[in-house]
Amino acid sequence: MNRSEGVYIISVAARLLNLHPQTLRKYERAGFITPARTIGMLRLYSAEDIARLRLIKYLVEDLGLNLAGVQFVLNLASGLVALDQLLSTARNDREAHQRAQAAVGELLEELGLRQRHPSG
């Protein structure tokens, strides 16, 4: 099974996560997940969606983040994943190394740890 292939309907996903289906709908409206849809428009959650929802649940319930905080963490995590992929190819590639360095700068700016450049 492909991790991004939707297989769980909302009631099953909610049960797996111990969340109310309305909470899953709220996270979808917030843009945190985009479950696949059947022809009849039923939501189908993939293993990848379930993993992302577990992270969101942890951020909200255990760390006490609000939705804006969750969005910030998800964006940061996405940037780190992209950076990790860049770094894995940058060893002997100067251009990839420069892209990775720029990505680090953007993440630091997002965290407020580096001043934005006047042109950016």
PDB file of N, CA and C in Angstrom:
ATOM      1  N   MET A   1       0.843  -1.188   0.000  1.00  0.00           N
ATOM      2  CA  MET A   1       0.000   0.000   0.000  1.00  0.00           C
ATOM      3  C   MET A   1       0.885   1.247   0.000  1.00  0.00           C
ATOM      4  N   ASN A   2       0.526   2.193  -0.800  1.00  0.00           N
ATOM      5  CA  ASN A   2       1.191   3.484  -0.864  1.00  0.00           C
ATOM      6  C   ASN A   2       0.787   4.298   0.367  1.00  0.00           C
ATOM      7  N   ARG A   3       1.770   4.900   1.063  1.00  0.00           N
ATOM      8  CA  ARG A   3       1.480   5.665   2.283  1.00  0.00           C
ATOM      9  C   ARG A   3       0.542   6.840   2.039  1.00  0.00           C
ATOM     10  N   SER A   4       0.480   7.335   0.798  1.00  0.00           N
ATOM     11  CA  SER A   4      -0.372   8.490   0.514  1.00  0.00           C
ATOM     12  C   SER A   4      -1.724   8.076  -0.063  1.00  0.00           C
ATOM     13  N   GLU A   5      -1.975   6.781  -0.159  1.00  0.00           N
ATOM     14  CA  GLU A   5      -3.253   6.290  -0.678  1.00  0.00           C
ATOM     15  C   GLU A   5      -4.289   6.283   0.441  1.00  0.00           C
ATOM     16  N   GLY A   6      -5.411   6.968   0.207  1.00  0.00           N
ATOM     17  CA  GLY A   6      -6.453   7.060   1.218  1.00  0.00           C
ATOM     18  C   GLY A   6      -7.174   5.746   1.419  1.00  0.00           C
ATOM     19  N   VAL A   7      -7.239   5.293   2.666  1.00  0.00           N
ATOM     20  CA  VAL A   7      -7.906   4.018   2.944  1.00  0.00           C
ATOM     21  C   VAL A   7      -8.866   4.074   4.130  1.00  0.00           C
ATOM     22  N   TYR A   8      -8.746   5.077   4.986  1.00  0.00           N
ATOM     23  CA  TYR A   8      -9.573   5.158   6.197  1.00  0.00           C
ATOM     24  C   TYR A   8     -10.652   6.221   6.031  1.00  0.00           C
ATOM     25  N   ILE A   9     -11.916   5.843   6.234  1.00  0.00           N
ATOM     26  CA  ILE A   9     -12.968   6.856   6.236  1.00  0.00           C
ATOM     27  C   ILE A   9     -12.870   7.633   7.540  1.00  0.00           C
ATOM     28  N   ILE A  10     -13.560   8.756   7.611  1.00  0.00           N
ATOM     29  CA  ILE A  10     -13.392   9.687   8.726  1.00  0.00           C
ATOM     30  C   ILE A  10     -13.689   9.044  10.078  1.00  0.00           C
ATOM     31  N   SER A  11     -14.702   8.192  10.156  1.00  0.00           N
ATOM     32  CA  SER A  11     -15.032   7.582  11.453  1.00  0.00           C
ATOM     33  C   SER A  11     -13.922   6.650  11.919  1.00  0.00           C
ATOM     34  N   VAL A  12     -13.301   5.925  10.996  1.00  0.00           N
ATOM     35  CA  VAL A  12     -12.199   5.029  11.355  1.00  0.00           C
ATOM     36  C   VAL A  12     -10.967   5.843  11.734  1.00  0.00           C
ATOM     37  N   ALA A  13     -10.665   6.862  10.951  1.00  0.00           N
ATOM     38  CA  ALA A  13      -9.523   7.730  11.258  1.00  0.00           C
ATOM     39  C   ALA A  13      -9.697   8.372  12.633  1.00  0.00           C
ATOM     40  N   ALA A  14     -10.900   8.860  12.922  1.00  0.00           N
ATOM     41  CA  ALA A  14     -11.170   9.493  14.217  1.00  0.00           C
ATOM     42  C   ALA A  14     -10.960   8.500  15.352  1.00  0.00           C
ATOM     43  N   ARG A  15     -11.418   7.267  15.145  1.00  0.00           N
ATOM     44  CA  ARG A  15     -11.243   6.238  16.176  1.00  0.00           C
ATOM     45  C   ARG A  15      -9.767   5.895  16.374  1.00  0.00           C
ATOM     46  N   LEU A  16      -9.021   5.771  15.273  1.00  0.00           N
ATOM     47  CA  LEU A  16      -7.587   5.480  15.367  1.00  0.00           C
ATOM     48  C   LEU A  16      -6.842   6.549  16.157  1.00  0.00           C
ATOM     49  N   LEU A  17      -7.272   7.785  16.002  1.00  0.00           N
ATOM     50  CA  LEU A  17      -6.594   8.923  16.621  1.00  0.00           C
ATOM     51  C   LEU A  17      -7.201   9.348  17.955  1.00  0.00           C
ATOM     52  N   ASN A  18      -8.332   8.753  18.292  1.00  0.00           N
ATOM     53  CA  ASN A  18      -9.069   9.149  19.489  1.00  0.00           C
ATOM     54  C   ASN A  18      -9.401  10.650  19.437  1.00  0.00           C
ATOM     55  N   LEU A  19      -9.916  11.055  18.266  1.00  0.00           N
ATOM     56  CA  LEU A  19     -10.359  12.430  18.039  1.00  0.00           C
ATOM     57  C   LEU A  19     -11.787  12.392  17.518  1.00  0.00           C
ATOM     58  N   HIS A  20     -12.499  13.481  17.676  1.00  0.00           N
ATOM     59  CA  HIS A  20     -13.852  13.589  17.140  1.00  0.00           C
ATOM     60  C   HIS A  20     -13.756  13.864  15.639  1.00  0.00           C
ATOM     61  N   PRO A  21     -14.631  13.283  14.821  1.00  0.00           N
ATOM     62  CA  PRO A  21     -14.600  13.568  13.382  1.00  0.00           C
ATOM     63  C   PRO A  21     -14.636  15.061  13.073  1.00  0.00           C
ATOM     64  N   GLN A  22     -15.344  15.836  13.885  1.00  0.00           N
ATOM     65  CA  GLN A  22     -15.412  17.283  13.651  1.00  0.00           C
ATOM     66  C   GLN A  22     -14.024  17.920  13.791  1.00  0.00           C
ATOM     67  N   THR A  23     -13.197  17.371  14.665  1.00  0.00           N
ATOM     68  CA  THR A  23     -11.833  17.875  14.823  1.00  0.00           C
ATOM     69  C   THR A  23     -11.038  17.633  13.542  1.00  0.00           C
ATOM     70  N   LEU A  24     -11.233  16.473  12.935  1.00  0.00           N
ATOM     71  CA  LEU A  24     -10.545  16.185  11.669  1.00  0.00           C
ATOM     72  C   LEU A  24     -11.004  17.149  10.588  1.00  0.00           C
ATOM     73  N   ARG A  25     -12.284  17.449  10.564  1.00  0.00           N
ATOM     74  CA  ARG A  25     -12.805  18.418   9.595  1.00  0.00           C
ATOM     75  C   ARG A  25     -12.200  19.804   9.843  1.00  0.00           C
ATOM     76  N   LYS A  26     -12.064  20.177  11.108  1.00  0.00           N
ATOM     77  CA  LYS A  26     -11.471  21.478  11.462  1.00  0.00           C
ATOM     78  C   LYS A  26     -10.023  21.549  10.971  1.00  0.00           C
ATOM     79  N   TYR A  27      -9.263  20.471  11.153  1.00  0.00           N
ATOM     80  CA  TYR A  27      -7.870  20.459  10.702  1.00  0.00           C
ATOM     81  C   TYR A  27      -7.790  20.510   9.176  1.00  0.00           C
ATOM     82  N   GLU A  28      -8.777  19.918   8.517  1.00  0.00           N
ATOM     83  CA  GLU A  28      -8.817  20.009   7.064  1.00  0.00           C
ATOM     84  C   GLU A  28      -9.110  21.443   6.637  1.00  0.00           C
ATOM     85  N   ARG A  29     -10.088  22.099   7.278  1.00  0.00           N
ATOM     86  CA  ARG A  29     -10.405  23.498   6.957  1.00  0.00           C
ATOM     87  C   ARG A  29      -9.215  24.412   7.202  1.00  0.00           C
ATOM     88  N   ALA A  30      -8.407  24.079   8.214  1.00  0.00           N
ATOM     89  CA  ALA A  30      -7.219  24.879   8.534  1.00  0.00           C
ATOM     90  C   ALA A  30      -6.100  24.643   7.520  1.00  0.00           C
ATOM     91  N   GLY A  31      -6.254  23.639   6.670  1.00  0.00           N
ATOM     92  CA  GLY A  31      -5.250  23.365   5.648  1.00  0.00           C
ATOM     93  C   GLY A  31      -4.133  22.449   6.097  1.00  0.00           C
ATOM     94  N   PHE A  32      -4.281  21.804   7.256  1.00  0.00           N
ATOM     95  CA  PHE A  32      -3.231  20.930   7.779  1.00  0.00           C
ATOM     96  C   PHE A  32      -3.163  19.601   7.037  1.00  0.00           C
ATOM     97  N   ILE A  33      -4.291  19.140   6.534  1.00  0.00           N
ATOM     98  CA  ILE A  33      -4.369  17.883   5.799  1.00  0.00           C
ATOM     99  C   ILE A  33      -5.337  18.051   4.639  1.00  0.00           C
ATOM    100  N   THR A  34      -5.181  17.202   3.650  1.00  0.00           N
ATOM    101  CA  THR A  34      -6.096  17.186   2.513  1.00  0.00           C
ATOM    102  C   THR A  34      -6.377  15.726   2.174  1.00  0.00           C
ATOM    103  N   PRO A  35      -7.352  15.131   2.856  1.00  0.00           N
ATOM    104  CA  PRO A  35      -7.634  13.725   2.575  1.00  0.00           C
ATOM    105  C   PRO A  35      -8.172  13.561   1.152  1.00  0.00           C
ATOM    106  N   ALA A  36      -7.945  12.387   0.609  1.00  0.00           N
ATOM    107  CA  ALA A  36      -8.507  12.072  -0.711  1.00  0.00           C
ATOM    108  C   ALA A  36     -10.025  12.007  -0.575  1.00  0.00           C
ATOM    109  N   ARG A  37     -10.701  12.028  -1.703  1.00  0.00           N
ATOM    110  CA  ARG A  37     -12.166  11.954  -1.705  1.00  0.00           C
ATOM    111  C   ARG A  37     -12.608  10.848  -2.652  1.00  0.00           C
ATOM    112  N   THR A  38     -13.678  10.173  -2.260  1.00  0.00           N
ATOM    113  CA  THR A  38     -14.301   9.202  -3.149  1.00  0.00           C
ATOM    114  C   THR A  38     -15.179   9.950  -4.134  1.00  0.00           C
ATOM    115  N   ILE A  39     -15.714   9.247  -5.096  1.00  0.00           N
ATOM    116  CA  ILE A  39     -16.647   9.859  -6.047  1.00  0.00           C
ATOM    117  C   ILE A  39     -17.831  10.463  -5.293  1.00  0.00           C
ATOM    118  N   GLY A  40     -18.259   9.802  -4.218  1.00  0.00           N
ATOM    119  CA  GLY A  40     -19.356  10.307  -3.397  1.00  0.00           C
ATOM    120  C   GLY A  40     -18.919  11.349  -2.383  1.00  0.00           C
ATOM    121  N   MET A  41     -17.670  11.820  -2.460  1.00  0.00           N
ATOM    122  CA  MET A  41     -17.098  12.870  -1.621  1.00  0.00           C
ATOM    123  C   MET A  41     -16.804  12.450  -0.181  1.00  0.00           C
ATOM    124  N   LEU A  42     -16.748  11.140   0.098  1.00  0.00           N
ATOM    125  CA  LEU A  42     -16.314  10.689   1.420  1.00  0.00           C
ATOM    126  C   LEU A  42     -14.821  10.954   1.559  1.00  0.00           C
ATOM    127  N   ARG A  43     -14.403  11.410   2.729  1.00  0.00           N
ATOM    128  CA  ARG A  43     -12.989  11.636   2.985  1.00  0.00           C
ATOM    129  C   ARG A  43     -12.306  10.286   3.185  1.00  0.00           C
ATOM    130  N   LEU A  44     -11.132  10.137   2.572  1.00  0.00           N
ATOM    131  CA  LEU A  44     -10.320   8.940   2.755  1.00  0.00           C
ATOM    132  C   LEU A  44      -8.945   9.365   3.252  1.00  0.00           C
ATOM    133  N   TYR A  45      -8.601   8.940   4.462  1.00  0.00           N
ATOM    134  CA  TYR A  45      -7.343   9.313   5.094  1.00  0.00           C
ATOM    135  C   TYR A  45      -6.297   8.237   4.837  1.00  0.00           C
ATOM    136  N   SER A  46      -5.110   8.654   4.451  1.00  0.00           N
ATOM    137  CA  SER A  46      -4.000   7.739   4.191  1.00  0.00           C
ATOM    138  C   SER A  46      -3.189   7.531   5.472  1.00  0.00           C
ATOM    139  N   ALA A  47      -2.268   6.583   5.416  1.00  0.00           N
ATOM    140  CA  ALA A  47      -1.351   6.376   6.540  1.00  0.00           C
ATOM    141  C   ALA A  47      -0.530   7.646   6.794  1.00  0.00           C
ATOM    142  N   GLU A  48      -0.180   8.341   5.722  1.00  0.00           N
ATOM    143  CA  GLU A  48       0.544   9.608   5.848  1.00  0.00           C
ATOM    144  C   GLU A  48      -0.316  10.667   6.555  1.00  0.00           C
ATOM    145  N   ASP A  49      -1.600  10.733   6.193  1.00  0.00           N
ATOM    146  CA  ASP A  49      -2.523  11.660   6.861  1.00  0.00           C
ATOM    147  C   ASP A  49      -2.630  11.334   8.349  1.00  0.00           C
ATOM    148  N   ILE A  50      -2.736  10.047   8.668  1.00  0.00           N
ATOM    149  CA  ILE A  50      -2.862   9.623  10.070  1.00  0.00           C
ATOM    150  C   ILE A  50      -1.614  10.021  10.850  1.00  0.00           C
ATOM    151  N   ALA A  51      -0.439   9.825  10.265  1.00  0.00           N
ATOM    152  CA  ALA A  51       0.811  10.207  10.932  1.00  0.00           C
ATOM    153  C   ALA A  51       0.854  11.720  11.166  1.00  0.00           C
ATOM    154  N   ARG A  52       0.450  12.493  10.166  1.00  0.00           N
ATOM    155  CA  ARG A  52       0.438  13.957  10.305  1.00  0.00           C
ATOM    156  C   ARG A  52      -0.568  14.380  11.376  1.00  0.00           C
ATOM    157  N   LEU A  53      -1.720  13.733  11.402  1.00  0.00           N
ATOM    158  CA  LEU A  53      -2.732  14.039  12.420  1.00  0.00           C
ATOM    159  C   LEU A  53      -2.249  13.675  13.818  1.00  0.00           C
ATOM    160  N   ARG A  54      -1.484  12.609  13.937  1.00  0.00           N
ATOM    161  CA  ARG A  54      -0.904  12.263  15.253  1.00  0.00           C
ATOM    162  C   ARG A  54       0.031  13.369  15.724  1.00  0.00           C
ATOM    163  N   LEU A  55       0.835  13.898  14.791  1.00  0.00           N
ATOM    164  CA  LEU A  55       1.722  15.015  15.136  1.00  0.00           C
ATOM    165  C   LEU A  55       0.901  16.229  15.559  1.00  0.00           C
ATOM    166  N   ILE A  56      -0.136  16.549  14.807  1.00  0.00           N
ATOM    167  CA  ILE A  56      -0.993  17.697  15.134  1.00  0.00           C
ATOM    168  C   ILE A  56      -1.631  17.508  16.503  1.00  0.00           C
ATOM    169  N   LYS A  57      -2.122  16.310  16.759  1.00  0.00           N
ATOM    170  CA  LYS A  57      -2.742  16.016  18.058  1.00  0.00           C
ATOM    171  C   LYS A  57      -1.725  16.228  19.184  1.00  0.00           C
ATOM    172  N   TYR A  58      -0.497  15.764  18.993  1.00  0.00           N
ATOM    173  CA  TYR A  58       0.558  15.955  19.986  1.00  0.00           C
ATOM    174  C   TYR A  58       0.829  17.450  20.206  1.00  0.00           C
ATOM    175  N   LEU A  59       0.928  18.202  19.118  1.00  0.00           N
ATOM    176  CA  LEU A  59       1.211  19.632  19.240  1.00  0.00           C
ATOM    177  C   LEU A  59       0.103  20.365  20.000  1.00  0.00           C
ATOM    178  N   VAL A  60      -1.140  19.986  19.746  1.00  0.00           N
ATOM    179  CA  VAL A  60      -2.277  20.660  20.378  1.00  0.00           C
ATOM    180  C   VAL A  60      -2.473  20.170  21.811  1.00  0.00           C
ATOM    181  N   GLU A  61      -2.574  18.861  21.985  1.00  0.00           N
ATOM    182  CA  GLU A  61      -2.938  18.319  23.304  1.00  0.00           C
ATOM    183  C   GLU A  61      -1.776  18.265  24.287  1.00  0.00           C
ATOM    184  N   ASP A  62      -0.597  17.896  23.816  1.00  0.00           N
ATOM    185  CA  ASP A  62       0.528  17.735  24.736  1.00  0.00           C
ATOM    186  C   ASP A  62       1.352  19.008  24.903  1.00  0.00           C
ATOM    187  N   LEU A  63       1.516  19.756  23.812  1.00  0.00           N
ATOM    188  CA  LEU A  63       2.317  20.978  23.899  1.00  0.00           C
ATOM    189  C   LEU A  63       1.469  22.230  24.070  1.00  0.00           C
ATOM    190  N   GLY A  64       0.161  22.114  23.870  1.00  0.00           N
ATOM    191  CA  GLY A  64      -0.738  23.239  24.092  1.00  0.00           C
ATOM    192  C   GLY A  64      -0.704  24.311  23.010  1.00  0.00           C
ATOM    193  N   LEU A  65      -0.272  23.951  21.797  1.00  0.00           N
ATOM    194  CA  LEU A  65      -0.223  24.944  20.726  1.00  0.00           C
ATOM    195  C   LEU A  65      -1.613  25.233  20.190  1.00  0.00           C
ATOM    196  N   ASN A  66      -1.826  26.474  19.771  1.00  0.00           N
ATOM    197  CA  ASN A  66      -3.068  26.815  19.070  1.00  0.00           C
ATOM    198  C   ASN A  66      -2.859  26.514  17.588  1.00  0.00           C
ATOM    199  N   LEU A  67      -3.884  26.761  16.766  1.00  0.00           N
ATOM    200  CA  LEU A  67      -3.787  26.413  15.350  1.00  0.00           C
ATOM    201  C   LEU A  67      -2.680  27.190  14.641  1.00  0.00           C
ATOM    202  N   ALA A  68      -2.461  28.437  15.020  1.00  0.00           N
ATOM    203  CA  ALA A  68      -1.375  29.216  14.414  1.00  0.00           C
ATOM    204  C   ALA A  68      -0.021  28.595  14.764  1.00  0.00           C
ATOM    205  N   GLY A  69       0.130  28.142  15.984  1.00  0.00           N
ATOM    206  CA  GLY A  69       1.361  27.471  16.399  1.00  0.00           C
ATOM    207  C   GLY A  69       1.573  26.171  15.648  1.00  0.00           C
ATOM    208  N   VAL A  70       0.490  25.431  15.468  1.00  0.00           N
ATOM    209  CA  VAL A  70       0.575  24.180  14.706  1.00  0.00           C
ATOM    210  C   VAL A  70       1.022  24.481  13.279  1.00  0.00           C
ATOM    211  N   GLN A  71       0.425  25.498  12.651  1.00  0.00           N
ATOM    212  CA  GLN A  71       0.800  25.860  11.279  1.00  0.00           C
ATOM    213  C   GLN A  71       2.270  26.235  11.212  1.00  0.00           C
ATOM    214  N   PHE A  72       2.741  26.988  12.188  1.00  0.00           N
ATOM    215  CA  PHE A  72       4.146  27.391  12.233  1.00  0.00           C
ATOM    216  C   PHE A  72       5.047  26.167  12.308  1.00  0.00           C
ATOM    217  N   VAL A  73       4.731  25.240  13.199  1.00  0.00           N
ATOM    218  CA  VAL A  73       5.552  24.030  13.360  1.00  0.00           C
ATOM    219  C   VAL A  73       5.511  23.175  12.096  1.00  0.00           C
ATOM    220  N   LEU A  74       4.337  23.028  11.487  1.00  0.00           N
ATOM    221  CA  LEU A  74       4.236  22.229  10.264  1.00  0.00           C
ATOM    222  C   LEU A  74       5.051  22.855   9.133  1.00  0.00           C
ATOM    223  N   ASN A  75       5.007  24.178   9.015  1.00  0.00           N
ATOM    224  CA  ASN A  75       5.813  24.862   7.994  1.00  0.00           C
ATOM    225  C   ASN A  75       7.297  24.677   8.261  1.00  0.00           C
ATOM    226  N   LEU A  76       7.684  24.801   9.510  1.00  0.00           N
ATOM    227  CA  LEU A  76       9.081  24.626   9.888  1.00  0.00           C
ATOM    228  C   LEU A  76       9.532  23.193   9.603  1.00  0.00           C
ATOM    229  N   ALA A  77       8.700  22.224   9.963  1.00  0.00           N
ATOM    230  CA  ALA A  77       9.038  20.819   9.718  1.00  0.00           C
ATOM    231  C   ALA A  77       9.171  20.556   8.220  1.00  0.00           C
ATOM    232  N   SER A  78       8.289  21.133   7.427  1.00  0.00           N
ATOM    233  CA  SER A  78       8.359  20.971   5.976  1.00  0.00           C
ATOM    234  C   SER A  78       9.667  21.547   5.442  1.00  0.00           C
ATOM    235  N   GLY A  79      10.044  22.699   5.955  1.00  0.00           N
ATOM    236  CA  GLY A  79      11.313  23.306   5.551  1.00  0.00           C
ATOM    237  C   GLY A  79      12.503  22.460   5.936  1.00  0.00           C
ATOM    238  N   LEU A  80      12.444  21.848   7.105  1.00  0.00           N
ATOM    239  CA  LEU A  80      13.545  20.986   7.548  1.00  0.00           C
ATOM    240  C   LEU A  80      13.645  19.729   6.696  1.00  0.00           C
ATOM    241  N   VAL A  81      12.516  19.169   6.311  1.00  0.00           N
ATOM    242  CA  VAL A  81      12.523  17.991   5.439  1.00  0.00           C
ATOM    243  C   VAL A  81      13.144  18.347   4.088  1.00  0.00           C
ATOM    244  N   ALA A  82      12.732  19.491   3.537  1.00  0.00           N
ATOM    245  CA  ALA A  82      13.300  19.941   2.261  1.00  0.00           C
ATOM    246  C   ALA A  82      14.797  20.186   2.395  1.00  0.00           C
ATOM    247  N   LEU A  83      15.201  20.779   3.499  1.00  0.00           N
ATOM    248  CA  LEU A  83      16.613  21.040   3.746  1.00  0.00           C
ATOM    249  C   LEU A  83      17.391  19.730   3.859  1.00  0.00           C
ATOM    250  N   ASP A  84      16.843  18.772   4.554  1.00  0.00           N
ATOM    251  CA  ASP A  84      17.483  17.460   4.691  1.00  0.00           C
ATOM    252  C   ASP A  84      17.695  16.829   3.322  1.00  0.00           C
ATOM    253  N   GLN A  85      16.689  16.930   2.458  1.00  0.00           N
ATOM    254  CA  GLN A  85      16.814  16.379   1.102  1.00  0.00           C
ATOM    255  C   GLN A  85      17.889  17.123   0.304  1.00  0.00           C
ATOM    256  N   LEU A  86      17.921  18.446   0.438  1.00  0.00           N
ATOM    257  CA  LEU A  86      18.958  19.229  -0.245  1.00  0.00           C
ATOM    258  C   LEU A  86      20.344  18.846   0.231  1.00  0.00           C
ATOM    259  N   LEU A  87      20.493  18.725   1.542  1.00  0.00           N
ATOM    260  CA  LEU A  87      21.803  18.409   2.099  1.00  0.00           C
ATOM    261  C   LEU A  87      22.283  17.019   1.685  1.00  0.00           C
ATOM    262  N   SER A  88      21.355  16.105   1.524  1.00  0.00           N
ATOM    263  CA  SER A  88      21.760  14.763   1.120  1.00  0.00           C
ATOM    264  C   SER A  88      22.309  14.743  -0.306  1.00  0.00           C
ATOM    265  N   THR A  89      21.949  15.738  -1.122  1.00  0.00           N
ATOM    266  CA  THR A  89      22.469  15.808  -2.489  1.00  0.00           C
ATOM    267  C   THR A  89      23.572  16.846  -2.638  1.00  0.00           C
ATOM    268  N   ALA A  90      23.849  17.618  -1.601  1.00  0.00           N
ATOM    269  CA  ALA A  90      24.751  18.769  -1.708  1.00  0.00           C
ATOM    270  C   ALA A  90      26.215  18.446  -1.464  1.00  0.00           C
ATOM    271  N   ARG A  91      26.525  17.246  -1.114  1.00  0.00           N
ATOM    272  CA  ARG A  91      27.905  16.930  -0.717  1.00  0.00           C
ATOM    273  C   ARG A  91      28.944  17.458  -1.709  1.00  0.00           C
ATOM    274  N   ASN A  92      28.791  17.120  -2.978  1.00  0.00           N
ATOM    275  CA  ASN A  92      29.780  17.526  -3.983  1.00  0.00           C
ATOM    276  C   ASN A  92      29.165  18.441  -5.035  1.00  0.00           C
ATOM    277  N   ASP A  93      28.075  19.090  -4.692  1.00  0.00           N
ATOM    278  CA  ASP A  93      27.367  19.949  -5.645  1.00  0.00           C
ATOM    279  C   ASP A  93      27.285  21.348  -5.054  1.00  0.00           C
ATOM    280  N   ARG A  94      28.086  22.250  -5.587  1.00  0.00           N
ATOM    281  CA  ARG A  94      28.161  23.617  -5.045  1.00  0.00           C
ATOM    282  C   ARG A  94      26.814  24.331  -5.111  1.00  0.00           C
ATOM    283  N   GLU A  95      26.085  24.175  -6.213  1.00  0.00           N
ATOM    284  CA  GLU A  95      24.784  24.842  -6.358  1.00  0.00           C
ATOM    285  C   GLU A  95      23.785  24.311  -5.325  1.00  0.00           C
ATOM    286  N   ALA A  96      23.764  23.004  -5.118  1.00  0.00           N
ATOM    287  CA  ALA A  96      22.871  22.421  -4.115  1.00  0.00           C
ATOM    288  C   ALA A  96      23.269  22.895  -2.721  1.00  0.00           C
ATOM    289  N   HIS A  97      24.566  23.021  -2.491  1.00  0.00           N
ATOM    290  CA  HIS A  97      25.048  23.519  -1.202  1.00  0.00           C
ATOM    291  C   HIS A  97      24.563  24.950  -0.973  1.00  0.00           C
ATOM    292  N   GLN A  98      24.619  25.786  -1.998  1.00  0.00           N
ATOM    293  CA  GLN A  98      24.152  27.169  -1.871  1.00  0.00           C
ATOM    294  C   GLN A  98      22.646  27.221  -1.625  1.00  0.00           C
ATOM    295  N   ARG A  99      21.894  26.344  -2.292  1.00  0.00           N
ATOM    296  CA  ARG A  99      20.443  26.283  -2.055  1.00  0.00           C
ATOM    297  C   ARG A  99      20.160  25.860  -0.616  1.00  0.00           C
ATOM    298  N   ALA A 100      20.933  24.896  -0.129  1.00  0.00           N
ATOM    299  CA  ALA A 100      20.750  24.440   1.255  1.00  0.00           C
ATOM    300  C   ALA A 100      21.064  25.574   2.219  1.00  0.00           C
ATOM    301  N   GLN A 101      22.130  26.300   1.947  1.00  0.00           N
ATOM    302  CA  GLN A 101      22.500  27.427   2.803  1.00  0.00           C
ATOM    303  C   GLN A 101      21.405  28.494   2.791  1.00  0.00           C
ATOM    304  N   ALA A 102      20.816  28.761   1.633  1.00  0.00           N
ATOM    305  CA  ALA A 102      19.723  29.733   1.534  1.00  0.00           C
ATOM    306  C   ALA A 102      18.507  29.240   2.310  1.00  0.00           C
ATOM    307  N   ALA A 103      18.242  27.934   2.247  1.00  0.00           N
ATOM    308  CA  ALA A 103      17.105  27.363   2.973  1.00  0.00           C
ATOM    309  C   ALA A 103      17.297  27.500   4.478  1.00  0.00           C
ATOM    310  N   VAL A 104      18.516  27.294   4.953  1.00  0.00           N
ATOM    311  CA  VAL A 104      18.810  27.483   6.375  1.00  0.00           C
ATOM    312  C   VAL A 104      18.550  28.938   6.759  1.00  0.00           C
ATOM    313  N   GLY A 105      18.984  29.864   5.921  1.00  0.00           N
ATOM    314  CA  GLY A 105      18.751  31.284   6.186  1.00  0.00           C
ATOM    315  C   GLY A 105      17.275  31.607   6.275  1.00  0.00           C
ATOM    316  N   GLU A 106      16.471  31.033   5.371  1.00  0.00           N
ATOM    317  CA  GLU A 106      15.027  31.276   5.401  1.00  0.00           C
ATOM    318  C   GLU A 106      14.397  30.726   6.675  1.00  0.00           C
ATOM    319  N   LEU A 107      14.838  29.549   7.102  1.00  0.00           N
ATOM    320  CA  LEU A 107      14.305  28.975   8.341  1.00  0.00           C
ATOM    321  C   LEU A 107      14.693  29.832   9.547  1.00  0.00           C
ATOM    322  N   LEU A 108      15.917  30.305   9.559  1.00  0.00           N
ATOM    323  CA  LEU A 108      16.353  31.166  10.665  1.00  0.00           C
ATOM    324  C   LEU A 108      15.567  32.474  10.679  1.00  0.00           C
ATOM    325  N   GLU A 109      15.285  33.030   9.505  1.00  0.00           N
ATOM    326  CA  GLU A 109      14.469  34.241   9.427  1.00  0.00           C
ATOM    327  C   GLU A 109      13.065  33.978   9.948  1.00  0.00           C
ATOM    328  N   GLU A 110      12.502  32.832   9.559  1.00  0.00           N
ATOM    329  CA  GLU A 110      11.154  32.463  10.005  1.00  0.00           C
ATOM    330  C   GLU A 110      11.104  32.365  11.530  1.00  0.00           C
ATOM    331  N   LEU A 111      12.187  31.897  12.128  1.00  0.00           N
ATOM    332  CA  LEU A 111      12.258  31.774  13.582  1.00  0.00           C
ATOM    333  C   LEU A 111      12.636  33.084  14.262  1.00  0.00           C
ATOM    334  N   GLY A 112      12.953  34.102  13.462  1.00  0.00           N
ATOM    335  CA  GLY A 112      13.353  35.386  14.036  1.00  0.00           C
ATOM    336  C   GLY A 112      14.772  35.378  14.551  1.00  0.00           C
ATOM    337  N   LEU A 113      15.579  34.440  14.085  1.00  0.00           N
ATOM    338  CA  LEU A 113      16.952  34.314  14.552  1.00  0.00           C
ATOM    339  C   LEU A 113      17.949  34.985  13.617  1.00  0.00           C
ATOM    340  N   ARG A 114      17.437  35.526  12.509  1.00  0.00           N
ATOM    341  CA  ARG A 114      18.284  36.238  11.562  1.00  0.00           C
ATOM    342  C   ARG A 114      17.437  37.330  10.922  1.00  0.00           C
ATOM    343  N   GLN A 115      18.062  38.486  10.714  1.00  0.00           N
ATOM    344  CA  GLN A 115      17.373  39.616  10.074  1.00  0.00           C
ATOM    345  C   GLN A 115      17.079  39.278   8.628  1.00  0.00           C
ATOM    346  N   ARG A 116      15.909  39.705   8.150  1.00  0.00           N
ATOM    347  CA  ARG A 116      15.584  39.548   6.730  1.00  0.00           C
ATOM    348  C   ARG A 116      16.430  40.520   5.926  1.00  0.00           C
ATOM    349  N   HIS A 117      16.810  40.089   4.754  1.00  0.00           N
ATOM    350  CA  HIS A 117      17.566  40.965   3.868  1.00  0.00           C
ATOM    351  C   HIS A 117      16.641  42.063   3.332  1.00  0.00           C
ATOM    352  N   PRO A 118      17.150  43.270   3.122  1.00  0.00           N
ATOM    353  CA  PRO A 118      16.315  44.379   2.651  1.00  0.00           C
ATOM    354  C   PRO A 118      15.545  44.030   1.367  1.00  0.00           C
ATOM    355  N   SER A 119      16.102  43.200   0.497  1.00  0.00           N
ATOM    356  CA  SER A 119      15.404  42.846  -0.740  1.00  0.00           C
ATOM    357  C   SER A 119      14.393  41.739  -0.537  1.00  0.00           C
ATOM    358  N   GLY A 120      14.385  41.039   0.642  1.00  0.00           N
ATOM    359  CA  GLY A 120      13.500  39.904   0.840  1.00  0.00           C
ATOM    360  C   GLY A 120      12.527  40.161   1.845  1.00  0.00           C
TER     361      GLY A 120
END
